Amino acid sequence: QVQLVESGGGLVQPGGSLGLSCAASGFTFSTYAMSWYRQAPGKERELVATISNFSGRKDYGDSVKGRFTISRDNAKNMVYLQMNSLKPEDTAVYYCNVRRYGNLYWGQGTQVTVSA
């Protein structure tokens, strides 16, 4: 079955950097677009970034453009999110996501806290 496992979250100071990873299994990874979402307490889940399957096209939410970079390694079935210039408002649980045959699949999430 589809499995997504995020890692790399933690506590970082404002202005710092953090890298997240997502290990995918149970489907043909290279043929699907992959996304990162985040959800802060009391807020709706928000799309952070998406990377297409073969072309590698990348799209970002307005709040993270120029600071975050999504990437993937199809040989390793991994998707990454490099986060730079972090702000307190980036604090959230970050989720890896894939849409497959109309169904959305999520990892368990990884907590990112940006605080001094």
Protein backbone atom coordinates (compact mmCIF):
# COMPACT_ATOMS: atom_id res chain seq x y z
CA GLN A 1 0.00 0.00 0.00
CA VAL A 2 1.02 3.64 -0.35
CA GLN A 3 3.29 4.76 2.43
CA LEU A 4 4.81 8.19 2.98
CA VAL A 5 7.24 8.78 5.83
CA GLU A 6 8.44 12.29 6.61
CA SER A 7 11.55 13.16 8.60
CA GLY A 8 13.78 16.10 9.37
CA GLY A 9 11.58 18.39 11.41
CA GLY A 10 12.71 20.14 14.54
CA LEU A 11 13.28 23.42 16.31
CA VAL A 12 15.11 26.19 14.46
CA GLN A 13 15.68 29.87 15.11
CA PRO A 14 14.17 32.55 12.87
CA GLY A 15 16.32 33.03 9.79
CA GLY A 16 17.63 29.49 9.99
CA SER A 17 17.33 26.56 7.62
CA LEU A 18 15.92 23.08 7.80
CA GLY A 19 15.58 20.22 5.34
CA LEU A 20 12.69 17.77 5.27
CA SER A 21 12.63 14.37 3.58
CA CYS A 22 9.82 12.06 2.55
CA ALA A 23 10.35 8.40 1.74
CA ALA A 24 7.67 6.98 -0.54
CA SER A 25 6.73 3.38 -1.22
CA GLY A 26 3.86 1.28 -2.55
CA PHE A 27 3.46 3.00 -5.89
CA THR A 28 5.45 3.91 -9.01
CA PHE A 29 6.97 7.04 -7.52
CA SER A 30 8.46 8.54 -10.67
CA THR A 31 5.09 8.76 -12.42
CA TYR A 32 3.36 10.93 -9.81
CA ALA A 33 3.60 14.55 -8.80
CA MET A 34 4.48 14.99 -5.15
CA SER A 35 3.55 17.78 -2.78
CA TRP A 36 4.34 19.19 0.62
CA TYR A 37 1.54 20.67 2.74
CA ARG A 38 1.60 22.19 6.19
CA GLN A 39 -0.91 22.79 8.93
CA ALA A 40 -0.48 25.25 11.77
CA PRO A 41 -2.58 25.04 14.95
CA GLY A 42 -6.06 26.36 14.34
CA LYS A 43 -5.49 26.79 10.61
CA GLU A 44 -6.41 24.84 7.51
CA ARG A 45 -3.90 22.64 5.74
CA GLU A 46 -1.95 24.73 3.22
CA LEU A 47 -0.19 23.69 0.02
CA VAL A 48 3.51 24.55 0.31
CA ALA A 49 5.05 23.15 -2.87
CA THR A 50 4.48 20.66 -5.68
CA ILE A 51 6.93 18.97 -8.03
CA SER A 52 5.77 17.22 -11.17
CA ASN A 53 6.75 13.68 -12.12
CA PHE A 54 9.10 13.64 -15.09
CA SER A 55 9.55 17.28 -16.04
CA GLY A 56 10.40 18.39 -12.55
CA ARG A 57 8.18 21.46 -12.78
CA LYS A 58 7.93 23.15 -9.39
CA ASP A 59 5.18 25.32 -7.97
CA TYR A 60 5.18 27.11 -4.62
CA GLY A 61 2.72 28.77 -2.33
CA ASP A 62 3.07 32.53 -2.24
CA SER A 63 4.17 32.52 1.40
CA VAL A 64 7.25 30.37 0.70
CA LYS A 65 8.35 31.48 -2.78
CA GLY A 66 12.04 32.33 -2.87
CA ARG A 67 12.69 30.66 0.49
CA PHE A 68 11.71 27.01 0.04
CA THR A 69 12.89 24.53 -2.60
CA ILE A 70 11.22 21.22 -3.43
CA SER A 71 13.16 18.46 -5.13
CA ARG A 72 12.93 14.75 -5.78
CA ASP A 73 15.13 11.75 -6.42
CA ASN A 74 13.22 9.21 -8.48
CA ALA A 75 15.96 6.61 -8.06
CA LYS A 76 15.52 6.71 -4.29
CA ASN A 77 11.75 7.36 -4.16
CA MET A 78 12.41 10.47 -2.12
CA VAL A 79 11.04 13.99 -2.11
CA TYR A 80 12.68 16.83 -0.22
CA LEU A 81 11.85 20.29 1.02
CA GLN A 82 14.71 22.69 1.75
CA MET A 83 13.52 25.57 3.88
CA ASN A 84 15.64 28.71 4.22
CA SER A 85 15.07 32.06 5.90
CA LEU A 86 12.55 30.46 8.19
CA LYS A 87 10.00 32.64 9.97
CA PRO A 88 7.90 31.98 13.07
CA GLU A 89 4.85 31.78 10.83
CA ASP A 90 6.39 28.73 9.13
CA THR A 91 5.75 26.80 12.33
CA ALA A 92 3.48 23.88 11.44
CA VAL A 93 3.26 20.16 10.92
CA TYR A 94 4.57 19.42 7.44
CA TYR A 95 3.06 16.59 5.41
CA CYS A 96 4.14 14.76 2.29
CA ASN A 97 1.33 14.08 -0.17
CA VAL A 98 0.53 12.19 -3.33
CA ARG A 99 -2.72 12.07 -5.30
CA ARG A 100 -3.22 8.66 -6.85
CA TYR A 101 -6.35 7.55 -8.73
CA GLY A 102 -8.29 10.39 -7.16
CA ASN A 103 -7.26 9.49 -3.63
CA LEU A 104 -5.05 11.64 -1.43
CA TYR A 105 -2.37 9.95 0.62
CA TRP A 106 -0.58 11.55 3.55
CA GLY A 107 2.38 10.82 5.75
CA GLN A 108 2.23 11.12 9.52
CA GLY A 109 3.75 14.59 9.38
CA THR A 110 6.82 16.16 10.93
CA GLN A 111 6.77 19.14 13.27
CA VAL A 112 8.70 22.28 12.35
CA THR A 113 8.96 24.96 15.01
CA VAL A 114 10.58 28.31 14.30
CA SER A 115 11.28 30.14 17.51
CA ALA A 116 13.99 32.07 19.25
